PDB file of N, CA and C in Angstrom:
ATOM      1  N   MET A   1     121.463 100.358  71.840  1.00  0.00           N
ATOM      2  CA  MET A   1     120.329 100.774  72.800  1.00  0.00           C
ATOM      3  C   MET A   1     120.721 102.063  73.411  1.00  0.00           C
ATOM      4  N   GLU A   2     119.957 102.862  73.435  1.00  0.00           N
ATOM      5  CA  GLU A   2     120.266 104.018  74.123  1.00  0.00           C
ATOM      6  C   GLU A   2     120.027 104.106  75.804  1.00  0.00           C
ATOM      7  N   PHE A   3     121.433 104.961  76.545  1.00  0.00           N
ATOM      8  CA  PHE A   3     120.986 104.615  77.693  1.00  0.00           C
ATOM      9  C   PHE A   3     119.684 104.614  78.445  1.00  0.00           C
ATOM     10  N   TRP A   4     118.733 105.899  77.836  1.00  0.00           N
ATOM     11  CA  TRP A   4     117.666 106.279  78.822  1.00  0.00           C
ATOM     12  C   TRP A   4     116.952 105.285  78.580  1.00  0.00           C
ATOM     13  N   ARG A   5     117.384 104.695  77.619  1.00  0.00           N
ATOM     14  CA  ARG A   5     115.661 103.315  77.416  1.00  0.00           C
ATOM     15  C   ARG A   5     116.085 102.066  77.952  1.00  0.00           C
ATOM     16  N   GLU A   6     117.055 102.200  78.528  1.00  0.00           N
ATOM     17  CA  GLU A   6     117.724 100.811  79.009  1.00  0.00           C
ATOM     18  C   GLU A   6     116.709 100.488  80.382  1.00  0.00           C
ATOM     19  N   PRO A   7     115.724  99.404  80.206  1.00  0.00           N
ATOM     20  CA  PRO A   7     115.254  98.600  81.403  1.00  0.00           C
ATOM     21  C   PRO A   7     115.709  98.886  82.856  1.00  0.00           C
ATOM     22  N   GLY A   8     117.223  98.183  82.855  1.00  0.00           N
ATOM     23  CA  GLY A   8     117.851  98.691  84.174  1.00  0.00           C
ATOM     24  C   GLY A   8     118.054  99.926  84.739  1.00  0.00           C
ATOM     25  N   PHE A   9     117.892 101.097  83.792  1.00  0.00           N
ATOM     26  CA  PHE A   9     118.300 102.470  83.994  1.00  0.00           C
ATOM     27  C   PHE A   9     116.864 103.000  84.376  1.00  0.00           C
ATOM     28  N   ILE A  10     115.858 102.341  84.293  1.00  0.00           N
ATOM     29  CA  ILE A  10     114.627 102.632  84.309  1.00  0.00           C
ATOM     30  C   ILE A  10     113.874 102.381  85.472  1.00  0.00           C
ATOM     31  N   VAL A  11     114.556 100.832  86.051  1.00  0.00           N
ATOM     32  CA  VAL A  11     114.388 100.548  87.547  1.00  0.00           C
ATOM     33  C   VAL A  11     114.994 101.028  88.667  1.00  0.00           C
ATOM     34  N   VAL A  12     116.416 101.866  88.559  1.00  0.00           N
ATOM     35  CA  VAL A  12     117.184 102.541  89.270  1.00  0.00           C
ATOM     36  C   VAL A  12     116.603 103.765  89.126  1.00  0.00           C
ATOM     37  N   ILE A  13     116.221 104.654  88.260  1.00  0.00           N
ATOM     38  CA  ILE A  13     115.626 105.663  88.533  1.00  0.00           C
ATOM     39  C   ILE A  13     113.857 105.597  89.534  1.00  0.00           C
ATOM     40  N   VAL A  14     113.121 104.377  89.288  1.00  0.00           N
ATOM     41  CA  VAL A  14     112.129 104.050  89.526  1.00  0.00           C
ATOM     42  C   VAL A  14     112.947 103.817  91.150  1.00  0.00           C
ATOM     43  N   THR A  15     113.651 102.881  91.609  1.00  0.00           N
ATOM     44  CA  THR A  15     114.226 103.246  93.175  1.00  0.00           C
ATOM     45  C   THR A  15     114.297 104.093  93.860  1.00  0.00           C
ATOM     46  N   LEU A  16     115.134 105.152  92.914  1.00  0.00           N
ATOM     47  CA  LEU A  16     115.424 106.739  93.601  1.00  0.00           C
ATOM     48  C   LEU A  16     114.167 107.481  93.835  1.00  0.00           C
ATOM     49  N   VAL A  17     113.519 107.487  92.840  1.00  0.00           N
ATOM     50  CA  VAL A  17     112.163 108.049  93.392  1.00  0.00           C
ATOM     51  C   VAL A  17     111.526 107.523  95.050  1.00  0.00           C
ATOM     52  N   ILE A  18     111.322 105.844  94.825  1.00  0.00           N
ATOM     53  CA  ILE A  18     110.838 105.438  96.150  1.00  0.00           C
ATOM     54  C   ILE A  18     111.549 106.147  97.063  1.00  0.00           C
ATOM     55  N   PHE A  19     113.057 106.186  97.331  1.00  0.00           N
ATOM     56  CA  PHE A  19     113.897 106.638  98.300  1.00  0.00           C
ATOM     57  C   PHE A  19     113.491 108.077  98.165  1.00  0.00           C
ATOM     58  N   TYR A  20     113.251 108.713  97.163  1.00  0.00           N
ATOM     59  CA  TYR A  20     112.778 110.754  98.070  1.00  0.00           C
ATOM     60  C   TYR A  20     111.107 110.164  98.226  1.00  0.00           C
ATOM     61  N   LEU A  21     110.257 109.469  97.783  1.00  0.00           N
ATOM     62  CA  LEU A  21     109.068 109.519  98.569  1.00  0.00           C
ATOM     63  C   LEU A  21     109.019 109.362 100.030  1.00  0.00           C
ATOM     64  N   ARG A  22     109.885 108.351  99.943  1.00  0.00           N
ATOM     65  CA  ARG A  22     109.897 107.594 101.709  1.00  0.00           C
ATOM     66  C   ARG A  22     110.791 109.199 102.616  1.00  0.00           C
ATOM     67  N   LEU A  23     111.519 109.545 101.968  1.00  0.00           N
ATOM     68  CA  LEU A  23     112.048 110.549 102.890  1.00  0.00           C
ATOM     69  C   LEU A  23     110.768 111.645 103.139  1.00  0.00           C
ATOM     70  N   MET A  24     110.362 112.029 101.884  1.00  0.00           N
ATOM     71  CA  MET A  24     109.438 112.811 102.360  1.00  0.00           C
ATOM     72  C   MET A  24     107.969 112.807 103.134  1.00  0.00           C
ATOM     73  N   GLN A  25     107.878 111.296 102.925  1.00  0.00           N
ATOM     74  CA  GLN A  25     106.922 110.740 104.299  1.00  0.00           C
ATOM     75  C   GLN A  25     107.418 110.915 105.389  1.00  0.00           C
ATOM     76  N   LEU A  26     108.684 110.774 105.892  1.00  0.00           N
ATOM     77  CA  LEU A  26     109.671 110.748 107.429  1.00  0.00           C
ATOM     78  C   LEU A  26     109.236 112.018 107.843  1.00  0.00           C
ATOM     79  N   ARG A  27     109.456 113.141 106.739  1.00  0.00           N
ATOM     80  CA  ARG A  27     109.502 114.559 106.927  1.00  0.00           C
ATOM     81  C   ARG A  27     108.165 114.691 107.311  1.00  0.00           C
ATOM     82  N   GLY A  28     106.932 114.728 107.020  1.00  0.00           N
ATOM     83  CA  GLY A  28     105.534 114.641 106.918  1.00  0.00           C
ATOM     84  C   GLY A  28     105.385 114.054 108.036  1.00  0.00           C
ATOM     85  N   LYS A  29     105.748 112.834 109.088  1.00  0.00           N
ATOM     86  CA  LYS A  29     105.177 111.880 110.118  1.00  0.00           C
ATOM     87  C   LYS A  29     105.848 113.009 111.216  1.00  0.00           C
ATOM     88  N   LYS A  30     107.440 113.338 111.366  1.00  0.00           N
ATOM     89  CA  LYS A  30     108.259 114.200 111.588  1.00  0.00           C
ATOM     90  C   LYS A  30     107.220 115.331 112.070  1.00  0.00           C
ATOM     91  N   ARG A  31     106.410 116.585 111.073  1.00  0.00           N
ATOM     92  CA  ARG A  31     105.864 117.110 111.619  1.00  0.00           C
ATOM     93  C   ARG A  31     104.494 117.036 112.333  1.00  0.00           C
ATOM     94  N   ARG A  32     103.344 115.971 111.772  1.00  0.00           N
ATOM     95  CA  ARG A  32     102.801 115.710 112.266  1.00  0.00           C
ATOM     96  C   ARG A  32     102.583 115.029 113.863  1.00  0.00           C
ATOM     97  N   LEU A  33     104.018 114.917 114.629  1.00  0.00           N
ATOM     98  CA  LEU A  33     104.264 114.055 115.381  1.00  0.00           C
ATOM     99  C   LEU A  33     104.881 115.636 116.431  1.00  0.00           C
ATOM    100  N   GLU A  34     104.791 116.192 116.091  1.00  0.00           N
ATOM    101  CA  GLU A  34     105.671 118.027 116.693  1.00  0.00           C
ATOM    102  C   GLU A  34     103.972 118.501 116.924  1.00  0.00           C
ATOM    103  N   ARG A  35     103.201 118.412 116.000  1.00  0.00           N
ATOM    104  CA  ARG A  35     102.379 119.322 115.840  1.00  0.00           C
ATOM    105  C   ARG A  35     101.354 118.518 117.364  1.00  0.00           C
ATOM    106  N   GLN A  36     100.998 117.119 117.646  1.00  0.00           N
ATOM    107  CA  GLN A  36     100.482 116.295 118.308  1.00  0.00           C
ATOM    108  C   GLN A  36     101.119 116.847 119.459  1.00  0.00           C
ATOM    109  N   ALA A  37     102.434 116.611 119.440  1.00  0.00           N
ATOM    110  CA  ALA A  37     102.871 117.217 120.871  1.00  0.00           C
ATOM    111  C   ALA A  37     103.014 118.084 121.415  1.00  0.00           C
ATOM    112  N   ALA A  38     102.952 119.494 120.129  1.00  0.00           N
ATOM    113  CA  ALA A  38     102.453 121.212 120.537  1.00  0.00           C
ATOM    114  C   ALA A  38     100.831 121.002 121.744  1.00  0.00           C
ATOM    115  N   VAL A  39     100.365 120.519 120.407  1.00  0.00           N
ATOM    116  CA  VAL A  39      98.461 120.102 120.840  1.00  0.00           C
ATOM    117  C   VAL A  39      98.881 119.737 122.587  1.00  0.00           C
ATOM    118  N   ALA A  40      99.559 118.325 122.730  1.00  0.00           N
ATOM    119  CA  ALA A  40      99.559 118.056 124.639  1.00  0.00           C
ATOM    120  C   ALA A  40      99.830 119.187 125.359  1.00  0.00           C
ATOM    121  N   ARG A  41     100.749 119.732 124.750  1.00  0.00           N
ATOM    122  CA  ARG A  41     101.347 121.216 125.564  1.00  0.00           C
ATOM    123  C   ARG A  41     100.232 121.943 125.928  1.00  0.00           C
ATOM    124  N   MET A  42      99.885 121.838 125.231  1.00  0.00           N
ATOM    125  CA  MET A  42      98.224 122.980 125.316  1.00  0.00           C
ATOM    126  C   MET A  42      98.025 122.312 126.320  1.00  0.00           C
ATOM    127  N   ASN A  43      97.040 121.331 125.858  1.00  0.00           N
ATOM    128  CA  ASN A  43      95.964 120.721 126.711  1.00  0.00           C
ATOM    129  C   ASN A  43      96.454 120.106 128.388  1.00  0.00           C
ATOM    130  N   GLU A  44      97.915 120.177 128.429  1.00  0.00           N
ATOM    131  CA  GLU A  44      98.254 119.907 129.977  1.00  0.00           C
ATOM    132  C   GLU A  44      98.448 121.153 131.005  1.00  0.00           C
ATOM    133  N   ALA A  45      98.278 122.485 129.451  1.00  0.00           N
ATOM    134  CA  ALA A  45      98.505 123.458 130.022  1.00  0.00           C
ATOM    135  C   ALA A  45      97.059 123.841 130.371  1.00  0.00           C
ATOM    136  N   ASN A  46      96.069 123.834 130.210  1.00  0.00           N
ATOM    137  CA  ASN A  46      94.602 124.269 130.116  1.00  0.00           C
ATOM    138  C   ASN A  46      94.147 123.041 131.396  1.00  0.00           C
ATOM    139  N   ARG A  47      94.947 121.936 131.393  1.00  0.00           N
ATOM    140  CA  ARG A  47      94.279 121.308 132.812  1.00  0.00           C
ATOM    141  C   ARG A  47      94.152 121.715 134.314  1.00  0.00           C
ATOM    142  N   LYS A  48      95.756 122.613 133.771  1.00  0.00           N
ATOM    143  CA  LYS A  48      96.477 122.659 134.760  1.00  0.00           C
ATOM    144  C   LYS A  48      96.534 124.651 135.475  1.00  0.00           C
ATOM    145  N   ARG A  49      95.815 125.024 134.132  1.00  0.00           N
ATOM    146  CA  ARG A  49      95.417 126.354 134.333  1.00  0.00           C
ATOM    147  C   ARG A  49      96.621 127.462 134.753  1.00  0.00           C
ATOM    148  N   GLY A  50      97.456 127.601 134.070  1.00  0.00           N
ATOM    149  CA  GLY A  50      98.754 128.057 134.547  1.00  0.00           C
ATOM    150  C   GLY A  50      98.820 128.068 132.966  1.00  0.00           C
ATOM    151  N   LYS A  51     100.380 128.895 133.054  1.00  0.00           N
ATOM    152  CA  LYS A  51     100.747 129.232 131.559  1.00  0.00           C
ATOM    153  C   LYS A  51     101.251 127.993 130.929  1.00  0.00           C
ATOM    154  N   ILE A  52     100.979 128.688 129.480  1.00  0.00           N
ATOM    155  CA  ILE A  52     101.949 127.595 128.319  1.00  0.00           C
ATOM    156  C   ILE A  52     102.786 127.509 128.584  1.00  0.00           C
ATOM    157  N   PRO A  53     103.664 126.408 128.534  1.00  0.00           N
ATOM    158  CA  PRO A  53     104.691 126.176 128.542  1.00  0.00           C
ATOM    159  C   PRO A  53     105.865 126.730 127.026  1.00  0.00           C
ATOM    160  N   PRO A  54     106.800 127.095 126.783  1.00  0.00           N
ATOM    161  CA  PRO A  54     107.121 127.597 125.496  1.00  0.00           C
ATOM    162  C   PRO A  54     107.614 125.987 125.198  1.00  0.00           C
ATOM    163  N   PRO A  55     107.588 126.084 123.671  1.00  0.00           N
ATOM    164  CA  PRO A  55     107.768 125.200 123.324  1.00  0.00           C
ATOM    165  C   PRO A  55     109.595 125.085 123.046  1.00  0.00           C
ATOM    166  N   ALA A  56     109.791 123.676 122.768  1.00  0.00           N
ATOM    167  CA  ALA A  56     110.969 123.191 123.170  1.00  0.00           C
ATOM    168  C   ALA A  56     111.617 123.811 122.285  1.00  0.00           C
ATOM    169  N   VAL A  57     113.191 123.880 122.250  1.00  0.00           N
ATOM    170  CA  VAL A  57     114.129 124.401 121.488  1.00  0.00           C
ATOM    171  C   VAL A  57     114.410 123.826 120.646  1.00  0.00           C
ATOM    172  N   LYS A  58     114.221 124.217 119.388  1.00  0.00           N
ATOM    173  CA  LYS A  58     114.975 122.931 118.122  1.00  0.00           C
ATOM    174  C   LYS A  58     115.857 123.410 117.870  1.00  0.00           C
ATOM    175  N   ASP A  59     116.893 122.514 117.316  1.00  0.00           N
ATOM    176  CA  ASP A  59     118.750 122.867 117.010  1.00  0.00           C
ATOM    177  C   ASP A  59     118.028 122.742 115.416  1.00  0.00           C
ATOM    178  N   PRO A  60     118.580 123.726 114.919  1.00  0.00           N
ATOM    179  CA  PRO A  60     118.559 123.828 113.412  1.00  0.00           C
ATOM    180  C   PRO A  60     119.345 123.049 112.517  1.00  0.00           C
ATOM    181  N   ASN A  61     120.302 122.309 113.204  1.00  0.00           N
ATOM    182  CA  ASN A  61     121.498 121.500 112.556  1.00  0.00           C
ATOM    183  C   ASN A  61     121.389 120.164 112.940  1.00  0.00           C
ATOM    184  N   LYS A  62     119.975 119.602 113.452  1.00  0.00           N
ATOM    185  CA  LYS A  62     119.774 118.678 113.473  1.00  0.00           C
ATOM    186  C   LYS A  62     118.733 118.047 112.156  1.00  0.00           C
ATOM    187  N   PRO A  63     119.142 116.852 111.628  1.00  0.00           N
ATOM    188  CA  PRO A  63     118.309 116.757 110.881  1.00  0.00           C
ATOM    189  C   PRO A  63     117.100 115.965 111.387  1.00  0.00           C
ATOM    190  N   PRO A  64     116.374 115.686 110.403  1.00  0.00           N
ATOM    191  CA  PRO A  64     114.758 115.513 110.921  1.00  0.00           C
ATOM    192  C   PRO A  64     114.694 114.240 111.329  1.00  0.00           C
ATOM    193  N   PHE A  65     116.140 112.741 110.436  1.00  0.00           N
ATOM    194  CA  PHE A  65     115.561 111.805 111.135  1.00  0.00           C
ATOM    195  C   PHE A  65     117.247 110.955 110.949  1.00  0.00           C
ATOM    196  N   THR A  66     117.125 109.715 111.870  1.00  0.00           N
ATOM    197  CA  THR A  66     118.435 109.268 112.221  1.00  0.00           C
ATOM    198  C   THR A  66     118.660 108.069 111.874  1.00  0.00           C
ATOM    199  N   VAL A  67     120.128 106.567 110.894  1.00  0.00           N
ATOM    200  CA  VAL A  67     120.015 106.212 111.043  1.00  0.00           C
ATOM    201  C   VAL A  67     119.319 105.071 111.414  1.00  0.00           C
ATOM    202  N   SER A  68     118.788 103.899 111.501  1.00  0.00           N
ATOM    203  CA  SER A  68     118.002 103.069 112.602  1.00  0.00           C
ATOM    204  C   SER A  68     118.983 101.867 112.991  1.00  0.00           C
ATOM    205  N   SER A  69     119.483 101.374 111.520  1.00  0.00           N
ATOM    206  CA  SER A  69     120.529 100.197 111.421  1.00  0.00           C
ATOM    207  C   SER A  69     121.872 101.134 110.532  1.00  0.00           C
ATOM    208  N   TRP A  70     123.219 101.081 110.880  1.00  0.00           N
ATOM    209  CA  TRP A  70     124.182 101.599 110.516  1.00  0.00           C
ATOM    210  C   TRP A  70     125.273 100.198 109.665  1.00  0.00           C
ATOM    211  N   TYR A  71     124.536  98.938 109.996  1.00  0.00           N
ATOM    212  CA  TYR A  71     124.719  97.627 109.307  1.00  0.00           C
ATOM    213  C   TYR A  71     123.955  97.336 108.207  1.00  0.00           C
ATOM    214  N   LEU A  72     122.823  97.842 108.036  1.00  0.00           N
ATOM    215  CA  LEU A  72     122.456  97.910 106.908  1.00  0.00           C
ATOM    216  C   LEU A  72     122.549  99.005 105.856  1.00  0.00           C
ATOM    217  N   VAL A  73     123.069 100.252 106.653  1.00  0.00           N
ATOM    218  CA  VAL A  73     123.489 101.588 105.412  1.00  0.00           C
ATOM    219  C   VAL A  73     124.876 100.497 104.858  1.00  0.00           C
ATOM    220  N   LEU A  74     125.873 100.163 105.362  1.00  0.00           N
ATOM    221  CA  LEU A  74     127.255  99.772 104.688  1.00  0.00           C
ATOM    222  C   LEU A  74     126.686  98.443 103.702  1.00  0.00           C
ATOM    223  N   ILE A  75     125.811  97.730 103.538  1.00  0.00           N
ATOM    224  CA  ILE A  75     125.202  96.589 103.366  1.00  0.00           C
ATOM    225  C   ILE A  75     124.620  97.516 101.839  1.00  0.00           C
ATOM    226  N   ALA A  76     123.930  98.444 102.066  1.00  0.00           N
ATOM    227  CA  ALA A  76     123.290  98.945 100.784  1.00  0.00           C
ATOM    228  C   ALA A  76     124.219  99.204 100.476  1.00  0.00           C
ATOM    229  N   ALA A  77     125.567 100.162 100.626  1.00  0.00           N
ATOM    230  CA  ALA A  77     125.872 101.138 100.220  1.00  0.00           C
ATOM    231  C   ALA A  77     126.892 100.401  99.494  1.00  0.00           C
ATOM    232  N   ILE A  78     127.522  98.970 100.015  1.00  0.00           N
ATOM    233  CA  ILE A  78     128.448  98.211  99.148  1.00  0.00           C
ATOM    234  C   ILE A  78     127.893  97.586  98.043  1.00  0.00           C
ATOM    235  N   LEU A  79     126.302  97.194  97.792  1.00  0.00           N
ATOM    236  CA  LEU A  79     125.612  96.810  96.886  1.00  0.00           C
ATOM    237  C   LEU A  79     125.214  98.012  96.213  1.00  0.00           C
ATOM    238  N   MET A  80     125.419  98.907  96.059  1.00  0.00           N
ATOM    239  CA  MET A  80     125.137 100.488  95.370  1.00  0.00           C
ATOM    240  C   MET A  80     126.241 100.247  94.528  1.00  0.00           C
ATOM    241  N   LEU A  81     127.577 100.034  95.082  1.00  0.00           N
ATOM    242  CA  LEU A  81     128.923 100.637  94.550  1.00  0.00           C
ATOM    243  C   LEU A  81     129.524  99.248  93.918  1.00  0.00           C
ATOM    244  N   PHE A  82     128.758  98.182  94.150  1.00  0.00           N
ATOM    245  CA  PHE A  82     129.377  96.972  93.363  1.00  0.00           C
ATOM    246  C   PHE A  82     128.177  97.049  91.940  1.00  0.00           C
ATOM    247  N   GLY A  83     127.138  97.351  92.272  1.00  0.00           N
ATOM    248  CA  GLY A  83     126.639  97.428  90.575  1.00  0.00           C
ATOM    249  C   GLY A  83     126.401  98.229  89.792  1.00  0.00           C
ATOM    250  N   THR A  84     127.630  99.931  90.459  1.00  0.00           N
ATOM    251  CA  THR A  84     128.029 100.465  89.687  1.00  0.00           C
ATOM    252  C   THR A  84     129.023 100.345  88.612  1.00  0.00           C
ATOM    253  N   ALA A  85     130.169  99.393  90.100  1.00  0.00           N
ATOM    254  CA  ALA A  85     131.234  98.775  89.549  1.00  0.00           C
ATOM    255  C   ALA A  85     130.663  97.950  88.392  1.00  0.00           C
ATOM    256  N   ILE A  86     129.834  97.057  88.318  1.00  0.00           N
ATOM    257  CA  ILE A  86     129.674  96.094  87.700  1.00  0.00           C
ATOM    258  C   ILE A  86     129.461  97.290  85.865  1.00  0.00           C
ATOM    259  N   ARG A  87     128.701  97.971  86.347  1.00  0.00           N
ATOM    260  CA  ARG A  87     128.284  99.326  85.345  1.00  0.00           C
ATOM    261  C   ARG A  87     129.454  99.264  84.095  1.00  0.00           C
ATOM    262  N   SER A  88     130.511 100.005  84.945  1.00  0.00           N
ATOM    263  CA  SER A  88     131.495 100.811  84.674  1.00  0.00           C
ATOM    264  C   SER A  88     132.030  99.901  83.364  1.00  0.00           C
ATOM    265  N   ASP A  89     133.184  99.860  83.373  1.00  0.00           N
ATOM    266  CA  ASP A  89     133.917  99.284  82.280  1.00  0.00           C
ATOM    267  C   ASP A  89     134.865  98.581  82.834  1.00  0.00           C
ATOM    268  N   ILE A  90     135.322  97.919  84.591  1.00  0.00           N
ATOM    269  CA  ILE A  90     135.975  97.379  85.005  1.00  0.00           C
ATOM    270  C   ILE A  90     135.004  95.877  84.511  1.00  0.00           C
ATOM    271  N   THR A  91     136.030  94.822  83.744  1.00  0.00           N
ATOM    272  CA  THR A  91     135.875  93.273  83.242  1.00  0.00           C
ATOM    273  C   THR A  91     136.112  92.420  84.248  1.00  0.00           C
ATOM    274  N   PHE A  92     135.726  92.394  85.539  1.00  0.00           N
ATOM    275  CA  PHE A  92     135.833  91.515  86.030  1.00  0.00           C
ATOM    276  C   PHE A  92     135.267  90.774  86.159  1.00  0.00           C
ATOM    277  N   LEU A  93     133.916  90.882  86.252  1.00  0.00           N
ATOM    278  CA  LEU A  93     132.623  90.006  85.949  1.00  0.00           C
ATOM    279  C   LEU A  93     131.448  90.463  84.670  1.00  0.00           C
ATOM    280  N   PRO A  94     132.107  89.970  83.353  1.00  0.00           N
ATOM    281  CA  PRO A  94     131.781  90.990  82.425  1.00  0.00           C
ATOM    282  C   PRO A  94     129.895  89.456  82.277  1.00  0.00           C
ATOM    283  N   ILE A  95     130.265  88.503  83.091  1.00  0.00           N
ATOM    284  CA  ILE A  95     128.438  87.489  83.052  1.00  0.00           C
ATOM    285  C   ILE A  95     127.238  88.918  83.330  1.00  0.00           C
ATOM    286  N   LEU A  96     127.671  89.214  84.465  1.00  0.00           N
ATOM    287  CA  LEU A  96     126.824  90.128  85.465  1.00  0.00           C
ATOM    288  C   LEU A  96     126.936  91.146  84.666  1.00  0.00           C
ATOM    289  N   GLU A  97     127.662  91.745  83.784  1.00  0.00           N
ATOM    290  CA  GLU A  97     127.069  93.488  82.932  1.00  0.00           C
ATOM    291  C   GLU A  97     125.807  93.487  82.431  1.00  0.00           C
ATOM    292  N   THR A  98     124.765  92.829  82.421  1.00  0.00           N
ATOM    293  CA  THR A  98     123.492  92.945  82.430  1.00  0.00           C
ATOM    294  C   THR A  98     122.706  93.066  83.005  1.00  0.00           C
ATOM    295  N   TYR A  99     123.284  92.476  83.826  1.00  0.00           N
ATOM    296  CA  TYR A  99     122.914  92.825  85.237  1.00  0.00           C
ATOM    297  C   TYR A  99     122.716  93.483  86.495  1.00  0.00           C
ATOM    298  N   TRP A 100     123.682  94.657  85.698  1.00  0.00           N
ATOM    299  CA  TRP A 100     124.133  95.903  86.851  1.00  0.00           C
ATOM    300  C   TRP A 100     123.122  96.451  87.589  1.00  0.00           C
ATOM    301  N   TRP A 101     121.850  96.562  87.453  1.00  0.00           N
ATOM    302  CA  TRP A 101     120.960  97.068  87.829  1.00  0.00           C
ATOM    303  C   TRP A 101     120.085  96.654  89.201  1.00  0.00           C
ATOM    304  N   ILE A 102     120.249  95.312  89.331  1.00  0.00           N
ATOM    305  CA  ILE A 102     119.591  94.274  90.529  1.00  0.00           C
ATOM    306  C   ILE A 102     120.401  94.770  91.712  1.00  0.00           C
ATOM    307  N   PRO A 103     121.807  94.402  91.518  1.00  0.00           N
ATOM    308  CA  PRO A 103     122.694  95.191  93.317  1.00  0.00           C
ATOM    309  C   PRO A 103     122.278  96.319  93.535  1.00  0.00           C
ATOM    310  N   THR A 104     121.827  97.254  92.434  1.00  0.00           N
ATOM    311  CA  THR A 104     121.830  98.763  92.590  1.00  0.00           C
ATOM    312  C   THR A 104     120.684  99.109  92.602  1.00  0.00           C
ATOM    313  N   ALA A 105     119.369  98.401  92.087  1.00  0.00           N
ATOM    314  CA  ALA A 105     118.422  98.756  92.882  1.00  0.00           C
ATOM    315  C   ALA A 105     117.976  98.636  94.394  1.00  0.00           C
ATOM    316  N   LEU A 106     118.441  96.484  94.448  1.00  0.00           N
ATOM    317  CA  LEU A 106     118.767  96.306  96.067  1.00  0.00           C
ATOM    318  C   LEU A 106     118.978  97.257  96.811  1.00  0.00           C
ATOM    319  N   GLY A 107     120.306  97.809  96.723  1.00  0.00           N
ATOM    320  CA  GLY A 107     120.720  98.387  97.554  1.00  0.00           C
ATOM    321  C   GLY A 107     120.275 100.352  97.737  1.00  0.00           C
ATOM    322  N   VAL A 108     119.207 100.706  97.153  1.00  0.00           N
ATOM    323  CA  VAL A 108     118.728 101.518  96.909  1.00  0.00           C
ATOM    324  C   VAL A 108     117.944 102.048  97.947  1.00  0.00           C
ATOM    325  N   LEU A 109     116.916 100.287  97.300  1.00  0.00           N
ATOM    326  CA  LEU A 109     116.053 100.128  98.242  1.00  0.00           C
ATOM    327  C   LEU A 109     116.110  99.472  99.492  1.00  0.00           C
ATOM    328  N   LEU A 110     116.703  98.853 100.272  1.00  0.00           N
ATOM    329  CA  LEU A 110     117.196  98.652 100.993  1.00  0.00           C
ATOM    330  C   LEU A 110     118.150 100.040 101.741  1.00  0.00           C
ATOM    331  N   PHE A 111     118.525 101.306 101.869  1.00  0.00           N
ATOM    332  CA  PHE A 111     118.896 102.453 102.254  1.00  0.00           C
ATOM    333  C   PHE A 111     117.563 103.132 102.305  1.00  0.00           C
ATOM    334  N   THR A 112     116.656 102.909 101.432  1.00  0.00           N
ATOM    335  CA  THR A 112     115.278 103.442 101.620  1.00  0.00           C
ATOM    336  C   THR A 112     114.991 103.081 103.347  1.00  0.00           C
ATOM    337  N   PHE A 113     115.169 102.380 103.452  1.00  0.00           N
ATOM    338  CA  PHE A 113     114.387 101.764 104.733  1.00  0.00           C
ATOM    339  C   PHE A 113     115.387 102.141 106.087  1.00  0.00           C
ATOM    340  N   CYS A 114     115.999 102.579 105.779  1.00  0.00           N
ATOM    341  CA  CYS A 114     117.418 102.551 107.074  1.00  0.00           C
ATOM    342  C   CYS A 114     117.418 103.870 107.751  1.00  0.00           C
ATOM    343  N   PHE A 115     116.459 104.594 107.900  1.00  0.00           N
ATOM    344  CA  PHE A 115     116.071 105.706 108.637  1.00  0.00           C
ATOM    345  C   PHE A 115     115.015 106.027 109.612  1.00  0.00           C
ATOM    346  N   LYS A 116     114.725 106.265 110.032  1.00  0.00           N
ATOM    347  CA  LYS A 116     113.463 106.490 111.107  1.00  0.00           C
ATOM    348  C   LYS A 116     113.505 108.476 111.660  1.00  0.00           C
ATOM    349  N   VAL A 117     111.998 108.721 112.191  1.00  0.00           N
ATOM    350  CA  VAL A 117     112.418 110.331 112.418  1.00  0.00           C
ATOM    351  C   VAL A 117     112.690 110.256 113.872  1.00  0.00           C
ATOM    352  N   VAL A 118     113.517 111.387 113.797  1.00  0.00           N
ATOM    353  CA  VAL A 118     113.045 111.398 115.809  1.00  0.00           C
ATOM    354  C   VAL A 118     112.771 112.707 116.112  1.00  0.00           C
ATOM    355  N   VAL A 119     112.053 112.794 117.456  1.00  0.00           N
ATOM    356  CA  VAL A 119     110.756 113.798 117.860  1.00  0.00           C
ATOM    357  C   VAL A 119     112.127 114.110 119.352  1.00  0.00           C
TER     358      VAL A 119
END
């Protein structure tokens, strides 16, 4: 069977697409929260009839999200590494070689939900 048509490979690719869609969702949520904060700042300034306060200075090196649980990240990384070790030529578990994609896909899905938005 050709590598690209293997069902496990397709499942892992789908879970990676889900991971990247989740990251895009988090970036959109961050932008929406920033816009809401700017509108709240403008409304506050209009109520006080004073000058509009300058927006908060953003650190360009700060990522838009943070890790919610490092334990889940560790478990996800172990699952992904275990799945790729099964797939490789290591023969410590030949019974599981056809099911390499299960721990890999579970690790990617678990890793998908290890992030939250930083405001």
